[in-house]
Amino acid sequence: MRIPPNRILNILVFISASAMAAPKGPPPPGVPPPPGLPIDGGVVVCLVIALVYGLYKIKDIKTKKTLN
């Protein structure tokens, strides 16, 4: 029994097409996300500083009134 040439050609094309469709490796990494900036990183510190400054100004204004 002889194999027809068309069948051999079809088998070679199928094998080469399978080799071309093989995965090449992992895809490249995506775009990195923007840097995370914490919104509440120093809110407590700023509130404490504002409170201390406010108390200082109130004390300063009261002492200036008593001196006049």
PDB file of N, CA and C in Angstrom:
ATOM      1  N   MET A   1       0.851  -1.177   0.000  1.00  0.00           N
ATOM      2  CA  MET A   1       0.000   0.000   0.000  1.00  0.00           C
ATOM      3  C   MET A   1       0.890   1.231   0.000  1.00  0.00           C
ATOM      4  N   ARG A   2       0.639   2.064  -0.947  1.00  0.00           N
ATOM      5  CA  ARG A   2       1.432   3.268  -1.115  1.00  0.00           C
ATOM      6  C   ARG A   2       0.670   4.477  -0.565  1.00  0.00           C
ATOM      7  N   ILE A   3       1.401   5.395   0.185  1.00  0.00           N
ATOM      8  CA  ILE A   3       0.780   6.607   0.720  1.00  0.00           C
ATOM      9  C   ILE A   3       0.811   7.675  -0.372  1.00  0.00           C
ATOM     10  N   PRO A   4      -0.333   8.274  -0.665  1.00  0.00           N
ATOM     11  CA  PRO A   4      -0.352   9.306  -1.706  1.00  0.00           C
ATOM     12  C   PRO A   4       0.432  10.545  -1.265  1.00  0.00           C
ATOM     13  N   PRO A   5       1.063  11.270  -2.198  1.00  0.00           N
ATOM     14  CA  PRO A   5       1.860  12.462  -1.860  1.00  0.00           C
ATOM     15  C   PRO A   5       1.037  13.561  -1.203  1.00  0.00           C
ATOM     16  N   ASN A   6      -0.230  13.674  -1.544  1.00  0.00           N
ATOM     17  CA  ASN A   6      -1.070  14.709  -0.920  1.00  0.00           C
ATOM     18  C   ASN A   6      -1.188  14.480   0.583  1.00  0.00           C
ATOM     19  N   ARG A   7      -1.291  13.247   0.971  1.00  0.00           N
ATOM     20  CA  ARG A   7      -1.437  12.938   2.392  1.00  0.00           C
ATOM     21  C   ARG A   7      -0.150  13.289   3.150  1.00  0.00           C
ATOM     22  N   ILE A   8       0.993  13.005   2.578  1.00  0.00           N
ATOM     23  CA  ILE A   8       2.273  13.354   3.202  1.00  0.00           C
ATOM     24  C   ILE A   8       2.396  14.869   3.317  1.00  0.00           C
ATOM     25  N   LEU A   9       2.028  15.572   2.283  1.00  0.00           N
ATOM     26  CA  LEU A   9       2.079  17.037   2.305  1.00  0.00           C
ATOM     27  C   LEU A   9       1.138  17.597   3.370  1.00  0.00           C
ATOM     28  N   ASN A  10      -0.053  17.033   3.480  1.00  0.00           N
ATOM     29  CA  ASN A  10      -1.008  17.493   4.495  1.00  0.00           C
ATOM     30  C   ASN A  10      -0.469  17.264   5.907  1.00  0.00           C
ATOM     31  N   ILE A  11       0.162  16.122   6.125  1.00  0.00           N
ATOM     32  CA  ILE A  11       0.721  15.824   7.450  1.00  0.00           C
ATOM     33  C   ILE A  11       1.858  16.796   7.783  1.00  0.00           C
ATOM     34  N   LEU A  12       2.729  17.085   6.821  1.00  0.00           N
ATOM     35  CA  LEU A  12       3.825  18.034   7.063  1.00  0.00           C
ATOM     36  C   LEU A  12       3.304  19.442   7.348  1.00  0.00           C
ATOM     37  N   VAL A  13       2.297  19.869   6.629  1.00  0.00           N
ATOM     38  CA  VAL A  13       1.710  21.202   6.868  1.00  0.00           C
ATOM     39  C   VAL A  13       1.084  21.254   8.257  1.00  0.00           C
ATOM     40  N   PHE A  14       0.388  20.212   8.649  1.00  0.00           N
ATOM     41  CA  PHE A  14      -0.247  20.177   9.967  1.00  0.00           C
ATOM     42  C   PHE A  14       0.797  20.228  11.084  1.00  0.00           C
ATOM     43  N   ILE A  15       1.872  19.473  10.948  1.00  0.00           N
ATOM     44  CA  ILE A  15       2.924  19.458  11.966  1.00  0.00           C
ATOM     45  C   ILE A  15       3.622  20.815  12.049  1.00  0.00           C
ATOM     46  N   SER A  16       3.912  21.421  10.914  1.00  0.00           N
ATOM     47  CA  SER A  16       4.591  22.726  10.958  1.00  0.00           C
ATOM     48  C   SER A  16       3.665  23.811  11.493  1.00  0.00           C
ATOM     49  N   ALA A  17       2.367  23.728  11.178  1.00  0.00           N
ATOM     50  CA  ALA A  17       1.418  24.716  11.707  1.00  0.00           C
ATOM     51  C   ALA A  17       1.292  24.566  13.215  1.00  0.00           C
ATOM     52  N   SER A  18       1.338  23.347  13.711  1.00  0.00           N
ATOM     53  CA  SER A  18       1.261  23.119  15.160  1.00  0.00           C
ATOM     54  C   SER A  18       2.488  23.688  15.858  1.00  0.00           C
ATOM     55  N   ALA A  19       3.643  23.561  15.231  1.00  0.00           N
ATOM     56  CA  ALA A  19       4.869  24.096  15.829  1.00  0.00           C
ATOM     57  C   ALA A  19       4.847  25.619  15.848  1.00  0.00           C
ATOM     58  N   MET A  20       4.231  26.237  14.846  1.00  0.00           N
ATOM     59  CA  MET A  20       4.158  27.703  14.796  1.00  0.00           C
ATOM     60  C   MET A  20       3.177  28.249  15.826  1.00  0.00           C
ATOM     61  N   ALA A  21       2.172  27.465  16.176  1.00  0.00           N
ATOM     62  CA  ALA A  21       1.152  27.927  17.113  1.00  0.00           C
ATOM     63  C   ALA A  21       1.543  27.675  18.562  1.00  0.00           C
ATOM     64  N   ALA A  22       2.680  27.074  18.812  1.00  0.00           N
ATOM     65  CA  ALA A  22       3.115  26.785  20.180  1.00  0.00           C
ATOM     66  C   ALA A  22       3.365  28.102  20.919  1.00  0.00           C
ATOM     67  N   PRO A  23       3.093  28.141  22.215  1.00  0.00           N
ATOM     68  CA  PRO A  23       3.316  29.375  22.968  1.00  0.00           C
ATOM     69  C   PRO A  23       4.805  29.741  22.998  1.00  0.00           C
ATOM     70  N   LYS A  24       5.078  31.016  22.901  1.00  0.00           N
ATOM     71  CA  LYS A  24       6.461  31.502  22.841  1.00  0.00           C
ATOM     72  C   LYS A  24       7.030  31.856  24.205  1.00  0.00           C
ATOM     73  N   GLY A  25       6.213  32.043  25.180  1.00  0.00           N
ATOM     74  CA  GLY A  25       6.675  32.422  26.513  1.00  0.00           C
ATOM     75  C   GLY A  25       5.646  33.322  27.163  1.00  0.00           C
ATOM     76  N   PRO A  26       5.938  33.797  28.359  1.00  0.00           N
ATOM     77  CA  PRO A  26       4.974  34.659  29.044  1.00  0.00           C
ATOM     78  C   PRO A  26       4.864  36.012  28.346  1.00  0.00           C
ATOM     79  N   PRO A  27       3.695  36.621  28.421  1.00  0.00           N
ATOM     80  CA  PRO A  27       3.520  37.932  27.795  1.00  0.00           C
ATOM     81  C   PRO A  27       4.301  38.994  28.571  1.00  0.00           C
ATOM     82  N   PRO A  28       4.592  40.118  27.944  1.00  0.00           N
ATOM     83  CA  PRO A  28       5.314  41.177  28.656  1.00  0.00           C
ATOM     84  C   PRO A  28       4.454  41.755  29.779  1.00  0.00           C
ATOM     85  N   PRO A  29       5.083  42.277  30.812  1.00  0.00           N
ATOM     86  CA  PRO A  29       4.301  42.837  31.925  1.00  0.00           C
ATOM     87  C   PRO A  29       3.517  44.061  31.476  1.00  0.00           C
ATOM     88  N   GLY A  30       2.403  44.272  32.128  1.00  0.00           N
ATOM     89  CA  GLY A  30       1.538  45.396  31.787  1.00  0.00           C
ATOM     90  C   GLY A  30       2.101  46.712  32.308  1.00  0.00           C
ATOM     91  N   VAL A  31       1.327  47.746  32.109  1.00  0.00           N
ATOM     92  CA  VAL A  31       1.709  49.085  32.565  1.00  0.00           C
ATOM     93  C   VAL A  31       1.619  49.117  34.087  1.00  0.00           C
ATOM     94  N   PRO A  32       2.655  49.617  34.772  1.00  0.00           N
ATOM     95  CA  PRO A  32       2.591  49.643  36.242  1.00  0.00           C
ATOM     96  C   PRO A  32       1.539  50.652  36.708  1.00  0.00           C
ATOM     97  N   PRO A  33       0.903  50.368  37.829  1.00  0.00           N
ATOM     98  CA  PRO A  33      -0.094  51.304  38.344  1.00  0.00           C
ATOM     99  C   PRO A  33       0.583  52.584  38.839  1.00  0.00           C
ATOM    100  N   PRO A  34      -0.160  53.668  38.930  1.00  0.00           N
ATOM    101  CA  PRO A  34       0.437  54.906  39.438  1.00  0.00           C
ATOM    102  C   PRO A  34       0.849  54.730  40.892  1.00  0.00           C
ATOM    103  N   PRO A  35       1.813  55.529  41.347  1.00  0.00           N
ATOM    104  CA  PRO A  35       2.258  55.369  42.736  1.00  0.00           C
ATOM    105  C   PRO A  35       1.123  55.681  43.706  1.00  0.00           C
ATOM    106  N   GLY A  36       1.033  54.877  44.727  1.00  0.00           N
ATOM    107  CA  GLY A  36      -0.024  55.078  45.718  1.00  0.00           C
ATOM    108  C   GLY A  36       0.357  56.180  46.680  1.00  0.00           C
ATOM    109  N   LEU A  37      -0.455  57.189  46.734  1.00  0.00           N
ATOM    110  CA  LEU A  37      -0.211  58.292  47.655  1.00  0.00           C
ATOM    111  C   LEU A  37      -1.248  58.215  48.763  1.00  0.00           C
ATOM    112  N   PRO A  38      -0.816  57.950  49.989  1.00  0.00           N
ATOM    113  CA  PRO A  38      -1.782  57.819  51.068  1.00  0.00           C
ATOM    114  C   PRO A  38      -2.438  59.162  51.381  1.00  0.00           C
ATOM    115  N   ILE A  39      -3.748  59.147  51.424  1.00  0.00           N
ATOM    116  CA  ILE A  39      -4.477  60.385  51.709  1.00  0.00           C
ATOM    117  C   ILE A  39      -4.413  60.698  53.193  1.00  0.00           C
ATOM    118  N   ASP A  40      -4.489  59.667  54.028  1.00  0.00           N
ATOM    119  CA  ASP A  40      -4.553  59.898  55.468  1.00  0.00           C
ATOM    120  C   ASP A  40      -3.221  59.626  56.152  1.00  0.00           C
ATOM    121  N   GLY A  41      -2.118  59.733  55.454  1.00  0.00           N
ATOM    122  CA  GLY A  41      -0.821  59.423  56.032  1.00  0.00           C
ATOM    123  C   GLY A  41      -0.432  60.343  57.171  1.00  0.00           C
ATOM    124  N   GLY A  42      -0.680  61.633  57.071  1.00  0.00           N
ATOM    125  CA  GLY A  42      -0.259  62.559  58.106  1.00  0.00           C
ATOM    126  C   GLY A  42      -1.384  63.430  58.620  1.00  0.00           C
ATOM    127  N   VAL A  43      -2.625  62.983  58.462  1.00  0.00           N
ATOM    128  CA  VAL A  43      -3.764  63.803  58.879  1.00  0.00           C
ATOM    129  C   VAL A  43      -3.767  64.004  60.388  1.00  0.00           C
ATOM    130  N   VAL A  44      -3.488  62.961  61.134  1.00  0.00           N
ATOM    131  CA  VAL A  44      -3.511  63.081  62.600  1.00  0.00           C
ATOM    132  C   VAL A  44      -2.415  64.036  63.063  1.00  0.00           C
ATOM    133  N   VAL A  45      -1.244  63.939  62.472  1.00  0.00           N
ATOM    134  CA  VAL A  45      -0.137  64.833  62.846  1.00  0.00           C
ATOM    135  C   VAL A  45      -0.503  66.277  62.521  1.00  0.00           C
ATOM    136  N   CYS A  46      -1.089  66.493  61.353  1.00  0.00           N
ATOM    137  CA  CYS A  46      -1.488  67.862  60.981  1.00  0.00           C
ATOM    138  C   CYS A  46      -2.556  68.405  61.921  1.00  0.00           C
ATOM    139  N   LEU A  47      -3.506  67.573  62.334  1.00  0.00           N
ATOM    140  CA  LEU A  47      -4.540  68.032  63.262  1.00  0.00           C
ATOM    141  C   LEU A  47      -3.950  68.396  64.623  1.00  0.00           C
ATOM    142  N   VAL A  48      -3.004  67.605  65.090  1.00  0.00           N
ATOM    143  CA  VAL A  48      -2.361  67.904  66.375  1.00  0.00           C
ATOM    144  C   VAL A  48      -1.574  69.206  66.283  1.00  0.00           C
ATOM    145  N   ILE A  49      -0.847  69.401  65.196  1.00  0.00           N
ATOM    146  CA  ILE A  49      -0.084  70.636  65.014  1.00  0.00           C
ATOM    147  C   ILE A  49      -1.024  71.831  64.939  1.00  0.00           C
ATOM    148  N   ALA A  50      -2.155  71.689  64.214  1.00  0.00           N
ATOM    149  CA  ALA A  50      -3.122  72.783  64.111  1.00  0.00           C
ATOM    150  C   ALA A  50      -3.735  73.097  65.477  1.00  0.00           C
ATOM    151  N   LEU A  51      -4.030  72.070  66.269  1.00  0.00           N
ATOM    152  CA  LEU A  51      -4.600  72.285  67.599  1.00  0.00           C
ATOM    153  C   LEU A  51      -3.609  73.006  68.506  1.00  0.00           C
ATOM    154  N   VAL A  52      -2.354  72.585  68.485  1.00  0.00           N
ATOM    155  CA  VAL A  52      -1.330  73.233  69.314  1.00  0.00           C
ATOM    156  C   VAL A  52      -1.132  74.677  68.873  1.00  0.00           C
ATOM    157  N   TYR A  53      -1.084  74.918  67.575  1.00  0.00           N
ATOM    158  CA  TYR A  53      -0.915  76.289  67.075  1.00  0.00           C
ATOM    159  C   TYR A  53      -2.115  77.156  67.443  1.00  0.00           C
ATOM    160  N   GLY A  54      -3.317  76.580  67.337  1.00  0.00           N
ATOM    161  CA  GLY A  54      -4.518  77.339  67.717  1.00  0.00           C
ATOM    162  C   GLY A  54      -4.515  77.719  69.187  1.00  0.00           C
ATOM    163  N   LEU A  55      -4.139  76.761  70.036  1.00  0.00           N
ATOM    164  CA  LEU A  55      -4.062  77.072  71.472  1.00  0.00           C
ATOM    165  C   LEU A  55      -2.990  78.121  71.757  1.00  0.00           C
ATOM    166  N   TYR A  56      -1.873  78.049  71.043  1.00  0.00           N
ATOM    167  CA  TYR A  56      -0.809  79.050  71.205  1.00  0.00           C
ATOM    168  C   TYR A  56      -1.315  80.442  70.817  1.00  0.00           C
ATOM    169  N   LYS A  57      -2.026  80.527  69.684  1.00  0.00           N
ATOM    170  CA  LYS A  57      -2.528  81.835  69.237  1.00  0.00           C
ATOM    171  C   LYS A  57      -3.569  82.398  70.206  1.00  0.00           C
ATOM    172  N   ILE A  58      -4.438  81.513  70.727  1.00  0.00           N
ATOM    173  CA  ILE A  58      -5.440  81.974  71.696  1.00  0.00           C
ATOM    174  C   ILE A  58      -4.753  82.511  72.946  1.00  0.00           C
ATOM    175  N   LYS A  59      -3.745  81.809  73.437  1.00  0.00           N
ATOM    176  CA  LYS A  59      -3.004  82.256  74.618  1.00  0.00           C
ATOM    177  C   LYS A  59      -2.281  83.567  74.330  1.00  0.00           C
ATOM    178  N   ASP A  60      -1.703  83.665  73.120  1.00  0.00           N
ATOM    179  CA  ASP A  60      -0.981  84.880  72.730  1.00  0.00           C
ATOM    180  C   ASP A  60      -1.913  86.085  72.680  1.00  0.00           C
ATOM    181  N   ILE A  61      -3.108  85.897  72.123  1.00  0.00           N
ATOM    182  CA  ILE A  61      -4.063  87.012  72.026  1.00  0.00           C
ATOM    183  C   ILE A  61      -4.547  87.421  73.420  1.00  0.00           C
ATOM    184  N   LYS A  62      -4.782  86.457  74.277  1.00  0.00           N
ATOM    185  CA  LYS A  62      -5.249  86.775  75.638  1.00  0.00           C
ATOM    186  C   LYS A  62      -4.175  87.511  76.425  1.00  0.00           C
ATOM    187  N   THR A  63      -2.900  87.150  76.281  1.00  0.00           N
ATOM    188  CA  THR A  63      -1.854  87.828  77.015  1.00  0.00           C
ATOM    189  C   THR A  63      -1.647  89.248  76.486  1.00  0.00           C
ATOM    190  N   LYS A  64      -1.855  89.446  75.194  1.00  0.00           N
ATOM    191  CA  LYS A  64      -1.711  90.804  74.649  1.00  0.00           C
ATOM    192  C   LYS A  64      -2.828  91.707  75.141  1.00  0.00           C
ATOM    193  N   LYS A  65      -4.043  91.153  75.345  1.00  0.00           N
ATOM    194  CA  LYS A  65      -5.157  91.961  75.841  1.00  0.00           C
ATOM    195  C   LYS A  65      -4.939  92.350  77.302  1.00  0.00           C
ATOM    196  N   THR A  66      -4.356  91.463  78.070  1.00  0.00           N
ATOM    197  CA  THR A  66      -4.158  91.757  79.481  1.00  0.00           C
ATOM    198  C   THR A  66      -3.025  92.750  79.692  1.00  0.00           C
ATOM    199  N   LEU A  67      -2.075  92.794  78.751  1.00  0.00           N
ATOM    200  CA  LEU A  67      -0.958  93.728  78.874  1.00  0.00           C
ATOM    201  C   LEU A  67      -1.377  95.151  78.501  1.00  0.00           C
ATOM    202  N   ASN A  68      -2.386  95.313  77.693  1.00  0.00           N
ATOM    203  CA  ASN A  68      -2.812  96.660  77.274  1.00  0.00           C
ATOM    204  C   ASN A  68      -3.656  97.296  78.281  1.00  0.00           C
TER     205      ASN A  68
END
